[in-house]
Amino acid sequence: MGQDLYRAHPVYAETFDTVCAELDRHLDGPPLRSVVFCEDGSPEADLLGRTAYTQAALFAVGTAAHALVHSWGARPDALMGHSIGELTAAHAAGVLTLPDACALVAARAY
């Protein structure tokens, strides 16, 4: 999930790594980046089925995707999201800081 973007776009990679590092503070287990980029069938792949990792991965990918599109000059008039996407949109809109958004993502997952 997002590996091609990660390899091709430094803005995406930097943002993804920053978000993962912040989310890792709230996860009990391996680093989020290693889970998102794990091999199919590996023990870490099973963690993506756990809500804590699923929600965190979706937030990290969405936030990195927003940073990439923003780097291309796109400036939306409004942002919205559904479910975990609401927190992604709130962070992208500047309503939530990254630490606050990550804390909410983690709290929502438990």
PDB file of N, CA and C in Angstrom:
ATOM      1  N   MET A   1       0.845  -1.174   0.000  1.00  0.00           N
ATOM      2  CA  MET A   1       0.000   0.000   0.000  1.00  0.00           C
ATOM      3  C   MET A   1       0.890   1.237   0.000  1.00  0.00           C
ATOM      4  N   GLY A   2       0.959   1.911  -1.130  1.00  0.00           N
ATOM      5  CA  GLY A   2       1.711   3.144  -1.227  1.00  0.00           C
ATOM      6  C   GLY A   2       3.195   2.994  -1.508  1.00  0.00           C
ATOM      7  N   GLN A   3       3.672   1.767  -1.716  1.00  0.00           N
ATOM      8  CA  GLN A   3       5.114   1.575  -1.919  1.00  0.00           C
ATOM      9  C   GLN A   3       5.625   2.249  -3.187  1.00  0.00           C
ATOM     10  N   ASP A   4       4.849   2.213  -4.257  1.00  0.00           N
ATOM     11  CA  ASP A   4       5.290   2.860  -5.495  1.00  0.00           C
ATOM     12  C   ASP A   4       5.402   4.368  -5.298  1.00  0.00           C
ATOM     13  N   LEU A   5       4.427   4.962  -4.637  1.00  0.00           N
ATOM     14  CA  LEU A   5       4.496   6.395  -4.346  1.00  0.00           C
ATOM     15  C   LEU A   5       5.675   6.701  -3.438  1.00  0.00           C
ATOM     16  N   TYR A   6       5.916   5.844  -2.480  1.00  0.00           N
ATOM     17  CA  TYR A   6       7.020   6.025  -1.537  1.00  0.00           C
ATOM     18  C   TYR A   6       8.357   6.050  -2.276  1.00  0.00           C
ATOM     19  N   ARG A   7       8.532   5.130  -3.199  1.00  0.00           N
ATOM     20  CA  ARG A   7       9.797   5.051  -3.945  1.00  0.00           C
ATOM     21  C   ARG A   7       9.949   6.195  -4.944  1.00  0.00           C
ATOM     22  N   ALA A   8       8.860   6.660  -5.508  1.00  0.00           N
ATOM     23  CA  ALA A   8       8.927   7.639  -6.598  1.00  0.00           C
ATOM     24  C   ALA A   8       8.915   9.094  -6.150  1.00  0.00           C
ATOM     25  N   HIS A   9       8.383   9.376  -4.968  1.00  0.00           N
ATOM     26  CA  HIS A   9       8.163  10.771  -4.573  1.00  0.00           C
ATOM     27  C   HIS A   9       8.711  11.040  -3.174  1.00  0.00           C
ATOM     28  N   PRO A  10       9.814  11.770  -3.082  1.00  0.00           N
ATOM     29  CA  PRO A  10      10.401  12.073  -1.770  1.00  0.00           C
ATOM     30  C   PRO A  10       9.439  12.769  -0.805  1.00  0.00           C
ATOM     31  N   VAL A  11       8.580  13.642  -1.302  1.00  0.00           N
ATOM     32  CA  VAL A  11       7.625  14.326  -0.414  1.00  0.00           C
ATOM     33  C   VAL A  11       6.699  13.306   0.241  1.00  0.00           C
ATOM     34  N   TYR A  12       6.217  12.375  -0.541  1.00  0.00           N
ATOM     35  CA  TYR A  12       5.362  11.317  -0.006  1.00  0.00           C
ATOM     36  C   TYR A  12       6.133  10.511   1.040  1.00  0.00           C
ATOM     37  N   ALA A  13       7.351  10.102   0.698  1.00  0.00           N
ATOM     38  CA  ALA A  13       8.155   9.267   1.601  1.00  0.00           C
ATOM     39  C   ALA A  13       8.455   9.987   2.909  1.00  0.00           C
ATOM     40  N   GLU A  14       8.861  11.242   2.823  1.00  0.00           N
ATOM     41  CA  GLU A  14       9.187  12.003   4.037  1.00  0.00           C
ATOM     42  C   GLU A  14       7.965  12.162   4.932  1.00  0.00           C
ATOM     43  N   THR A  15       6.835  12.488   4.321  1.00  0.00           N
ATOM     44  CA  THR A  15       5.609  12.656   5.103  1.00  0.00           C
ATOM     45  C   THR A  15       5.184  11.331   5.717  1.00  0.00           C
ATOM     46  N   PHE A  16       5.200  10.277   4.932  1.00  0.00           N
ATOM     47  CA  PHE A  16       4.823   8.956   5.429  1.00  0.00           C
ATOM     48  C   PHE A  16       5.694   8.564   6.615  1.00  0.00           C
ATOM     49  N   ASP A  17       7.008   8.754   6.492  1.00  0.00           N
ATOM     50  CA  ASP A  17       7.924   8.400   7.585  1.00  0.00           C
ATOM     51  C   ASP A  17       7.654   9.226   8.839  1.00  0.00           C
ATOM     52  N   THR A  18       7.371  10.507   8.662  1.00  0.00           N
ATOM     53  CA  THR A  18       7.078  11.385   9.805  1.00  0.00           C
ATOM     54  C   THR A  18       5.804  10.942  10.515  1.00  0.00           C
ATOM     55  N   VAL A  19       4.771  10.659   9.734  1.00  0.00           N
ATOM     56  CA  VAL A  19       3.501  10.217  10.315  1.00  0.00           C
ATOM     57  C   VAL A  19       3.678   8.863  11.008  1.00  0.00           C
ATOM     58  N   CYS A  20       4.375   7.948  10.368  1.00  0.00           N
ATOM     59  CA  CYS A  20       4.607   6.632  10.983  1.00  0.00           C
ATOM     60  C   CYS A  20       5.356   6.764  12.301  1.00  0.00           C
ATOM     61  N   ALA A  21       6.361   7.618  12.338  1.00  0.00           N
ATOM     62  CA  ALA A  21       7.133   7.802  13.573  1.00  0.00           C
ATOM     63  C   ALA A  21       6.241   8.314  14.695  1.00  0.00           C
ATOM     64  N   GLU A  22       5.340   9.215  14.371  1.00  0.00           N
ATOM     65  CA  GLU A  22       4.421   9.741  15.394  1.00  0.00           C
ATOM     66  C   GLU A  22       3.431   8.665  15.829  1.00  0.00           C
ATOM     67  N   LEU A  23       2.905   7.908  14.885  1.00  0.00           N
ATOM     68  CA  LEU A  23       1.948   6.848  15.224  1.00  0.00           C
ATOM     69  C   LEU A  23       2.604   5.712  15.997  1.00  0.00           C
ATOM     70  N   ASP A  24       3.877   5.443  15.720  1.00  0.00           N
ATOM     71  CA  ASP A  24       4.585   4.364  16.423  1.00  0.00           C
ATOM     72  C   ASP A  24       4.582   4.572  17.933  1.00  0.00           C
ATOM     73  N   ARG A  25       4.507   5.811  18.371  1.00  0.00           N
ATOM     74  CA  ARG A  25       4.463   6.105  19.805  1.00  0.00           C
ATOM     75  C   ARG A  25       3.214   5.515  20.459  1.00  0.00           C
ATOM     76  N   HIS A  26       2.188   5.249  19.654  1.00  0.00           N
ATOM     77  CA  HIS A  26       0.904   4.780  20.177  1.00  0.00           C
ATOM     78  C   HIS A  26       0.644   3.298  19.909  1.00  0.00           C
ATOM     79  N   LEU A  27       1.514   2.651  19.152  1.00  0.00           N
ATOM     80  CA  LEU A  27       1.288   1.259  18.764  1.00  0.00           C
ATOM     81  C   LEU A  27       2.088   0.311  19.646  1.00  0.00           C
ATOM     82  N   ASP A  28       1.472  -0.797  19.983  1.00  0.00           N
ATOM     83  CA  ASP A  28       2.148  -1.850  20.746  1.00  0.00           C
ATOM     84  C   ASP A  28       2.556  -2.949  19.777  1.00  0.00           C
ATOM     85  N   GLY A  29       3.728  -2.825  19.219  1.00  0.00           N
ATOM     86  CA  GLY A  29       4.188  -3.812  18.253  1.00  0.00           C
ATOM     87  C   GLY A  29       5.215  -3.216  17.320  1.00  0.00           C
ATOM     88  N   PRO A  30       5.422  -3.877  16.194  1.00  0.00           N
ATOM     89  CA  PRO A  30       6.450  -3.413  15.261  1.00  0.00           C
ATOM     90  C   PRO A  30       6.105  -2.046  14.669  1.00  0.00           C
ATOM     91  N   PRO A  31       7.097  -1.366  14.115  1.00  0.00           N
ATOM     92  CA  PRO A  31       6.854  -0.058  13.506  1.00  0.00           C
ATOM     93  C   PRO A  31       5.829  -0.144  12.373  1.00  0.00           C
ATOM     94  N   LEU A  32       5.007   0.889  12.281  1.00  0.00           N
ATOM     95  CA  LEU A  32       3.946   0.917  11.272  1.00  0.00           C
ATOM     96  C   LEU A  32       4.511   0.769   9.863  1.00  0.00           C
ATOM     97  N   ARG A  33       5.582   1.465   9.551  1.00  0.00           N
ATOM     98  CA  ARG A  33       6.158   1.406   8.201  1.00  0.00           C
ATOM     99  C   ARG A  33       6.496  -0.034   7.814  1.00  0.00           C
ATOM    100  N   SER A  34       7.063  -0.797   8.733  1.00  0.00           N
ATOM    101  CA  SER A  34       7.430  -2.181   8.413  1.00  0.00           C
ATOM    102  C   SER A  34       6.194  -3.053   8.208  1.00  0.00           C
ATOM    103  N   VAL A  35       5.108  -2.718   8.864  1.00  0.00           N
ATOM    104  CA  VAL A  35       3.862  -3.473   8.685  1.00  0.00           C
ATOM    105  C   VAL A  35       3.225  -3.125   7.343  1.00  0.00           C
ATOM    106  N   VAL A  36       3.174  -1.837   7.024  1.00  0.00           N
ATOM    107  CA  VAL A  36       2.564  -1.411   5.756  1.00  0.00           C
ATOM    108  C   VAL A  36       3.339  -1.973   4.565  1.00  0.00           C
ATOM    109  N   PHE A  37       4.658  -2.019   4.667  1.00  0.00           N
ATOM    110  CA  PHE A  37       5.489  -2.459   3.552  1.00  0.00           C
ATOM    111  C   PHE A  37       5.947  -3.914   3.673  1.00  0.00           C
ATOM    112  N   CYS A  38       5.281  -4.706   4.489  1.00  0.00           N
ATOM    113  CA  CYS A  38       5.699  -6.093   4.700  1.00  0.00           C
ATOM    114  C   CYS A  38       5.354  -6.968   3.493  1.00  0.00           C
ATOM    115  N   GLU A  39       5.960  -8.132   3.468  1.00  0.00           N
ATOM    116  CA  GLU A  39       5.686  -9.121   2.424  1.00  0.00           C
ATOM    117  C   GLU A  39       4.364  -9.828   2.724  1.00  0.00           C
ATOM    118  N   ASP A  40       3.620 -10.145   1.679  1.00  0.00           N
ATOM    119  CA  ASP A  40       2.398 -10.929   1.852  1.00  0.00           C
ATOM    120  C   ASP A  40       2.732 -12.245   2.546  1.00  0.00           C
ATOM    121  N   GLY A  41       1.898 -12.631   3.473  1.00  0.00           N
ATOM    122  CA  GLY A  41       2.080 -13.890   4.173  1.00  0.00           C
ATOM    123  C   GLY A  41       3.032 -13.831   5.351  1.00  0.00           C
ATOM    124  N   SER A  42       3.666 -12.688   5.559  1.00  0.00           N
ATOM    125  CA  SER A  42       4.579 -12.555   6.701  1.00  0.00           C
ATOM    126  C   SER A  42       3.772 -12.360   7.981  1.00  0.00           C
ATOM    127  N   PRO A  43       4.395 -12.590   9.135  1.00  0.00           N
ATOM    128  CA  PRO A  43       3.680 -12.366  10.397  1.00  0.00           C
ATOM    129  C   PRO A  43       3.174 -10.927  10.535  1.00  0.00           C
ATOM    130  N   GLU A  44       3.944  -9.982  10.006  1.00  0.00           N
ATOM    131  CA  GLU A  44       3.515  -8.583  10.093  1.00  0.00           C
ATOM    132  C   GLU A  44       2.283  -8.308   9.237  1.00  0.00           C
ATOM    133  N   ALA A  45       2.107  -9.070   8.160  1.00  0.00           N
ATOM    134  CA  ALA A  45       0.948  -8.868   7.290  1.00  0.00           C
ATOM    135  C   ALA A  45      -0.353  -9.076   8.055  1.00  0.00           C
ATOM    136  N   ASP A  46      -0.343  -9.992   9.003  1.00  0.00           N
ATOM    137  CA  ASP A  46      -1.542 -10.241   9.807  1.00  0.00           C
ATOM    138  C   ASP A  46      -1.920  -9.032  10.656  1.00  0.00           C
ATOM    139  N   LEU A  47      -0.934  -8.204  10.990  1.00  0.00           N
ATOM    140  CA  LEU A  47      -1.216  -7.031  11.823  1.00  0.00           C
ATOM    141  C   LEU A  47      -2.080  -6.006  11.107  1.00  0.00           C
ATOM    142  N   LEU A  48      -2.045  -5.995   9.781  1.00  0.00           N
ATOM    143  CA  LEU A  48      -2.894  -5.049   9.055  1.00  0.00           C
ATOM    144  C   LEU A  48      -4.375  -5.346   9.263  1.00  0.00           C
ATOM    145  N   GLY A  49      -4.685  -6.531   9.739  1.00  0.00           N
ATOM    146  CA  GLY A  49      -6.057  -6.868  10.082  1.00  0.00           C
ATOM    147  C   GLY A  49      -6.485  -6.347  11.444  1.00  0.00           C
ATOM    148  N   ARG A  50      -5.527  -5.908  12.243  1.00  0.00           N
ATOM    149  CA  ARG A  50      -5.844  -5.322  13.553  1.00  0.00           C
ATOM    150  C   ARG A  50      -6.201  -3.857  13.361  1.00  0.00           C
ATOM    151  N   THR A  51      -7.285  -3.444  13.963  1.00  0.00           N
ATOM    152  CA  THR A  51      -7.783  -2.088  13.780  1.00  0.00           C
ATOM    153  C   THR A  51      -6.728  -1.028  14.069  1.00  0.00           C
ATOM    154  N   ALA A  52      -5.922  -1.232  15.092  1.00  0.00           N
ATOM    155  CA  ALA A  52      -4.903  -0.232  15.435  1.00  0.00           C
ATOM    156  C   ALA A  52      -3.963   0.011  14.258  1.00  0.00           C
ATOM    157  N   TYR A  53      -3.578  -1.038  13.568  1.00  0.00           N
ATOM    158  CA  TYR A  53      -2.677  -0.883  12.422  1.00  0.00           C
ATOM    159  C   TYR A  53      -3.432  -0.460  11.163  1.00  0.00           C
ATOM    160  N   THR A  54      -4.633  -0.981  10.967  1.00  0.00           N
ATOM    161  CA  THR A  54      -5.415  -0.606   9.793  1.00  0.00           C
ATOM    162  C   THR A  54      -5.691   0.886   9.788  1.00  0.00           C
ATOM    163  N   GLN A  55      -6.207   1.394  10.912  1.00  0.00           N
ATOM    164  CA  GLN A  55      -6.538   2.815  11.011  1.00  0.00           C
ATOM    165  C   GLN A  55      -5.288   3.679  10.858  1.00  0.00           C
ATOM    166  N   ALA A  56      -4.207   3.277  11.510  1.00  0.00           N
ATOM    167  CA  ALA A  56      -2.958   4.039  11.435  1.00  0.00           C
ATOM    168  C   ALA A  56      -2.416   4.056  10.005  1.00  0.00           C
ATOM    169  N   ALA A  57      -2.460   2.914   9.332  1.00  0.00           N
ATOM    170  CA  ALA A  57      -1.961   2.836   7.956  1.00  0.00           C
ATOM    171  C   ALA A  57      -2.770   3.727   7.025  1.00  0.00           C
ATOM    172  N   LEU A  58      -4.084   3.693   7.156  1.00  0.00           N
ATOM    173  CA  LEU A  58      -4.928   4.536   6.309  1.00  0.00           C
ATOM    174  C   LEU A  58      -4.652   6.014   6.543  1.00  0.00           C
ATOM    175  N   PHE A  59      -4.469   6.397   7.801  1.00  0.00           N
ATOM    176  CA  PHE A  59      -4.159   7.790   8.111  1.00  0.00           C
ATOM    177  C   PHE A  59      -2.800   8.184   7.525  1.00  0.00           C
ATOM    178  N   ALA A  60      -1.799   7.339   7.680  1.00  0.00           N
ATOM    179  CA  ALA A  60      -0.456   7.648   7.173  1.00  0.00           C
ATOM    180  C   ALA A  60      -0.447   7.770   5.651  1.00  0.00           C
ATOM    181  N   VAL A  61      -1.092   6.848   4.973  1.00  0.00           N
ATOM    182  CA  VAL A  61      -1.143   6.880   3.509  1.00  0.00           C
ATOM    183  C   VAL A  61      -1.921   8.104   3.031  1.00  0.00           C
ATOM    184  N   GLY A  62      -3.053   8.383   3.651  1.00  0.00           N
ATOM    185  CA  GLY A  62      -3.855   9.542   3.256  1.00  0.00           C
ATOM    186  C   GLY A  62      -3.137  10.857   3.483  1.00  0.00           C
ATOM    187  N   THR A  63      -2.448  10.961   4.607  1.00  0.00           N
ATOM    188  CA  THR A  63      -1.716  12.186   4.921  1.00  0.00           C
ATOM    189  C   THR A  63      -0.551  12.378   3.953  1.00  0.00           C
ATOM    190  N   ALA A  64       0.150  11.309   3.638  1.00  0.00           N
ATOM    191  CA  ALA A  64       1.257  11.397   2.683  1.00  0.00           C
ATOM    192  C   ALA A  64       0.748  11.725   1.282  1.00  0.00           C
ATOM    193  N   ALA A  65      -0.382  11.154   0.895  1.00  0.00           N
ATOM    194  CA  ALA A  65      -0.965  11.454  -0.414  1.00  0.00           C
ATOM    195  C   ALA A  65      -1.368  12.925  -0.500  1.00  0.00           C
ATOM    196  N   HIS A  66      -1.939  13.453   0.579  1.00  0.00           N
ATOM    197  CA  HIS A  66      -2.296  14.872   0.586  1.00  0.00           C
ATOM    198  C   HIS A  66      -1.049  15.738   0.435  1.00  0.00           C
ATOM    199  N   ALA A  67       0.014  15.406   1.148  1.00  0.00           N
ATOM    200  CA  ALA A  67       1.256  16.183   1.049  1.00  0.00           C
ATOM    201  C   ALA A  67       1.805  16.158  -0.377  1.00  0.00           C
ATOM    202  N   LEU A  68       1.714  15.018  -1.032  1.00  0.00           N
ATOM    203  CA  LEU A  68       2.196  14.902  -2.404  1.00  0.00           C
ATOM    204  C   LEU A  68       1.388  15.794  -3.343  1.00  0.00           C
ATOM    205  N   VAL A  69       0.074  15.706  -3.273  1.00  0.00           N
ATOM    206  CA  VAL A  69      -0.783  16.518  -4.138  1.00  0.00           C
ATOM    207  C   VAL A  69      -0.584  18.007  -3.830  1.00  0.00           C
ATOM    208  N   HIS A  70      -0.428  18.333  -2.563  1.00  0.00           N
ATOM    209  CA  HIS A  70      -0.168  19.717  -2.153  1.00  0.00           C
ATOM    210  C   HIS A  70       1.147  20.211  -2.762  1.00  0.00           C
ATOM    211  N   SER A  71       2.158  19.343  -2.823  1.00  0.00           N
ATOM    212  CA  SER A  71       3.456  19.731  -3.394  1.00  0.00           C
ATOM    213  C   SER A  71       3.362  20.026  -4.888  1.00  0.00           C
ATOM    214  N   TRP A  72       2.338  19.513  -5.528  1.00  0.00           N
ATOM    215  CA  TRP A  72       2.116  19.776  -6.949  1.00  0.00           C
ATOM    216  C   TRP A  72       1.367  21.089  -7.170  1.00  0.00           C
ATOM    217  N   GLY A  73       0.972  21.740  -6.086  1.00  0.00           N
ATOM    218  CA  GLY A  73       0.301  23.026  -6.195  1.00  0.00           C
ATOM    219  C   GLY A  73      -1.202  22.991  -5.988  1.00  0.00           C
ATOM    220  N   ALA A  74      -1.766  21.845  -5.753  1.00  0.00           N
ATOM    221  CA  ALA A  74      -3.213  21.756  -5.530  1.00  0.00           C
ATOM    222  C   ALA A  74      -3.561  22.366  -4.177  1.00  0.00           C
ATOM    223  N   ARG A  75      -4.548  23.235  -4.171  1.00  0.00           N
ATOM    224  CA  ARG A  75      -5.013  23.887  -2.947  1.00  0.00           C
ATOM    225  C   ARG A  75      -6.541  23.778  -2.893  1.00  0.00           C
ATOM    226  N   PRO A  76      -7.043  22.757  -2.221  1.00  0.00           N
ATOM    227  CA  PRO A  76      -8.498  22.568  -2.182  1.00  0.00           C
ATOM    228  C   PRO A  76      -9.190  23.669  -1.385  1.00  0.00           C
ATOM    229  N   ASP A  77     -10.411  23.959  -1.769  1.00  0.00           N
ATOM    230  CA  ASP A  77     -11.227  24.913  -1.019  1.00  0.00           C
ATOM    231  C   ASP A  77     -11.795  24.278   0.239  1.00  0.00           C
ATOM    232  N   ALA A  78     -11.973  22.982   0.207  1.00  0.00           N
ATOM    233  CA  ALA A  78     -12.525  22.267   1.358  1.00  0.00           C
ATOM    234  C   ALA A  78     -11.983  20.838   1.347  1.00  0.00           C
ATOM    235  N   LEU A  79     -11.961  20.245   2.522  1.00  0.00           N
ATOM    236  CA  LEU A  79     -11.538  18.853   2.670  1.00  0.00           C
ATOM    237  C   LEU A  79     -12.585  18.115   3.489  1.00  0.00           C
ATOM    238  N   MET A  80     -12.804  16.861   3.149  1.00  0.00           N
ATOM    239  CA  MET A  80     -13.718  16.042   3.938  1.00  0.00           C
ATOM    240  C   MET A  80     -13.243  14.601   3.865  1.00  0.00           C
ATOM    241  N   GLY A  81     -13.733  13.819   4.773  1.00  0.00           N
ATOM    242  CA  GLY A  81     -13.379  12.415   4.786  1.00  0.00           C
ATOM    243  C   GLY A  81     -14.449  11.618   5.491  1.00  0.00           C
ATOM    244  N   HIS A  82     -14.387  10.323   5.312  1.00  0.00           N
ATOM    245  CA  HIS A  82     -15.321   9.416   5.968  1.00  0.00           C
ATOM    246  C   HIS A  82     -14.527   8.515   6.904  1.00  0.00           C
ATOM    247  N   SER A  83     -15.050   8.322   8.088  1.00  0.00           N
ATOM    248  CA  SER A  83     -14.431   7.442   9.070  1.00  0.00           C
ATOM    249  C   SER A  83     -13.039   7.966   9.410  1.00  0.00           C
ATOM    250  N   ILE A  84     -11.997   7.167   9.268  1.00  0.00           N
ATOM    251  CA  ILE A  84     -10.649   7.640   9.604  1.00  0.00           C
ATOM    252  C   ILE A  84     -10.242   8.794   8.694  1.00  0.00           C
ATOM    253  N   GLY A  85     -10.838   8.886   7.534  1.00  0.00           N
ATOM    254  CA  GLY A  85     -10.573   9.991   6.614  1.00  0.00           C
ATOM    255  C   GLY A  85     -10.966  11.345   7.177  1.00  0.00           C
ATOM    256  N   GLU A  86     -11.889  11.353   8.141  1.00  0.00           N
ATOM    257  CA  GLU A  86     -12.245  12.621   8.792  1.00  0.00           C
ATOM    258  C   GLU A  86     -11.051  13.193   9.541  1.00  0.00           C
ATOM    259  N   LEU A  87     -10.290  12.330  10.188  1.00  0.00           N
ATOM    260  CA  LEU A  87      -9.100  12.795  10.903  1.00  0.00           C
ATOM    261  C   LEU A  87      -8.002  13.193   9.927  1.00  0.00           C
ATOM    262  N   THR A  88      -7.879  12.467   8.833  1.00  0.00           N
ATOM    263  CA  THR A  88      -6.915  12.835   7.797  1.00  0.00           C
ATOM    264  C   THR A  88      -7.249  14.214   7.248  1.00  0.00           C
ATOM    265  N   ALA A  89      -8.513  14.449   6.940  1.00  0.00           N
ATOM    266  CA  ALA A  89      -8.940  15.742   6.405  1.00  0.00           C
ATOM    267  C   ALA A  89      -8.750  16.858   7.425  1.00  0.00           C
ATOM    268  N   ALA A  90      -9.072  16.590   8.676  1.00  0.00           N
ATOM    269  CA  ALA A  90      -8.914  17.614   9.716  1.00  0.00           C
ATOM    270  C   ALA A  90      -7.448  17.993   9.886  1.00  0.00           C
ATOM    271  N   HIS A  91      -6.564  17.019   9.834  1.00  0.00           N
ATOM    272  CA  HIS A  91      -5.134  17.328   9.926  1.00  0.00           C
ATOM    273  C   HIS A  91      -4.674  18.099   8.684  1.00  0.00           C
ATOM    274  N   ALA A  92      -5.064  17.641   7.510  1.00  0.00           N
ATOM    275  CA  ALA A  92      -4.653  18.301   6.266  1.00  0.00           C
ATOM    276  C   ALA A  92      -5.162  19.739   6.201  1.00  0.00           C
ATOM    277  N   ALA A  93      -6.323  19.992   6.797  1.00  0.00           N
ATOM    278  CA  ALA A  93      -6.901  21.339   6.801  1.00  0.00           C
ATOM    279  C   ALA A  93      -6.278  22.236   7.863  1.00  0.00           C
ATOM    280  N   GLY A  94      -5.433  21.665   8.708  1.00  0.00           N
ATOM    281  CA  GLY A  94      -4.792  22.456   9.752  1.00  0.00           C
ATOM    282  C   GLY A  94      -5.587  22.550  11.037  1.00  0.00           C
ATOM    283  N   VAL A  95      -6.663  21.793  11.129  1.00  0.00           N
ATOM    284  CA  VAL A  95      -7.495  21.799  12.336  1.00  0.00           C
ATOM    285  C   VAL A  95      -6.801  21.039  13.466  1.00  0.00           C
ATOM    286  N   LEU A  96      -6.121  19.955  13.124  1.00  0.00           N
ATOM    287  CA  LEU A  96      -5.417  19.125  14.105  1.00  0.00           C
ATOM    288  C   LEU A  96      -3.923  19.112  13.801  1.00  0.00           C
ATOM    289  N   THR A  97      -3.103  19.243  14.837  1.00  0.00           N
ATOM    290  CA  THR A  97      -1.666  19.046  14.661  1.00  0.00           C
ATOM    291  C   THR A  97      -1.415  17.564  14.406  1.00  0.00           C
ATOM    292  N   LEU A  98      -0.241  17.247  13.906  1.00  0.00           N
ATOM    293  CA  LEU A  98       0.073  15.834  13.678  1.00  0.00           C
ATOM    294  C   LEU A  98       0.043  15.030  14.975  1.00  0.00           C
ATOM    295  N   PRO A  99       0.660  15.507  16.062  1.00  0.00           N
ATOM    296  CA  PRO A  99       0.579  14.723  17.303  1.00  0.00           C
ATOM    297  C   PRO A  99      -0.858  14.521  17.795  1.00  0.00           C
ATOM    298  N   ASP A 100      -1.681  15.556  17.696  1.00  0.00           N
ATOM    299  CA  ASP A 100      -3.074  15.421  18.131  1.00  0.00           C
ATOM    300  C   ASP A 100      -3.844  14.460  17.233  1.00  0.00           C
ATOM    301  N   ALA A 101      -3.647  14.581  15.933  1.00  0.00           N
ATOM    302  CA  ALA A 101      -4.341  13.689  14.999  1.00  0.00           C
ATOM    303  C   ALA A 101      -3.932  12.236  15.236  1.00  0.00           C
ATOM    304  N   CYS A 102      -2.644  11.999  15.435  1.00  0.00           N
ATOM    305  CA  CYS A 102      -2.170  10.629  15.669  1.00  0.00           C
ATOM    306  C   CYS A 102      -2.707  10.063  16.981  1.00  0.00           C
ATOM    307  N   ALA A 103      -2.798  10.902  17.993  1.00  0.00           N
ATOM    308  CA  ALA A 103      -3.368  10.448  19.266  1.00  0.00           C
ATOM    309  C   ALA A 103      -4.831  10.054  19.084  1.00  0.00           C
ATOM    310  N   LEU A 104      -5.571  10.819  18.296  1.00  0.00           N
ATOM    311  CA  LEU A 104      -6.975  10.489  18.038  1.00  0.00           C
ATOM    312  C   LEU A 104      -7.104   9.226  17.189  1.00  0.00           C
ATOM    313  N   VAL A 105      -6.232   9.079  16.200  1.00  0.00           N
ATOM    314  CA  VAL A 105      -6.239   7.859  15.382  1.00  0.00           C
ATOM    315  C   VAL A 105      -6.036   6.641  16.281  1.00  0.00           C
ATOM    316  N   ALA A 106      -5.065   6.732  17.165  1.00  0.00           N
ATOM    317  CA  ALA A 106      -4.773   5.609  18.063  1.00  0.00           C
ATOM    318  C   ALA A 106      -5.924   5.352  19.025  1.00  0.00           C
ATOM    319  N   ALA A 107      -6.481   6.406  19.598  1.00  0.00           N
ATOM    320  CA  ALA A 107      -7.585   6.241  20.551  1.00  0.00           C
ATOM    321  C   ALA A 107      -8.810   5.643  19.867  1.00  0.00           C
ATOM    322  N   ARG A 108      -9.051   6.041  18.640  1.00  0.00           N
ATOM    323  CA  ARG A 108     -10.204   5.558  17.886  1.00  0.00           C
ATOM    324  C   ARG A 108     -10.079   4.063  17.594  1.00  0.00           C
ATOM    325  N   ALA A 109      -8.852   3.593  17.471  1.00  0.00           N
ATOM    326  CA  ALA A 109      -8.620   2.199  17.093  1.00  0.00           C
ATOM    327  C   ALA A 109      -8.790   1.221  18.247  1.00  0.00           C
ATOM    328  N   TYR A 110      -8.847   1.724  19.466  1.00  0.00           N
ATOM    329  CA  TYR A 110      -8.950   0.826  20.619  1.00  0.00           C
ATOM    330  C   TYR A 110     -10.303   0.884  21.256  1.00  0.00           C
TER     331      TYR A 110
END
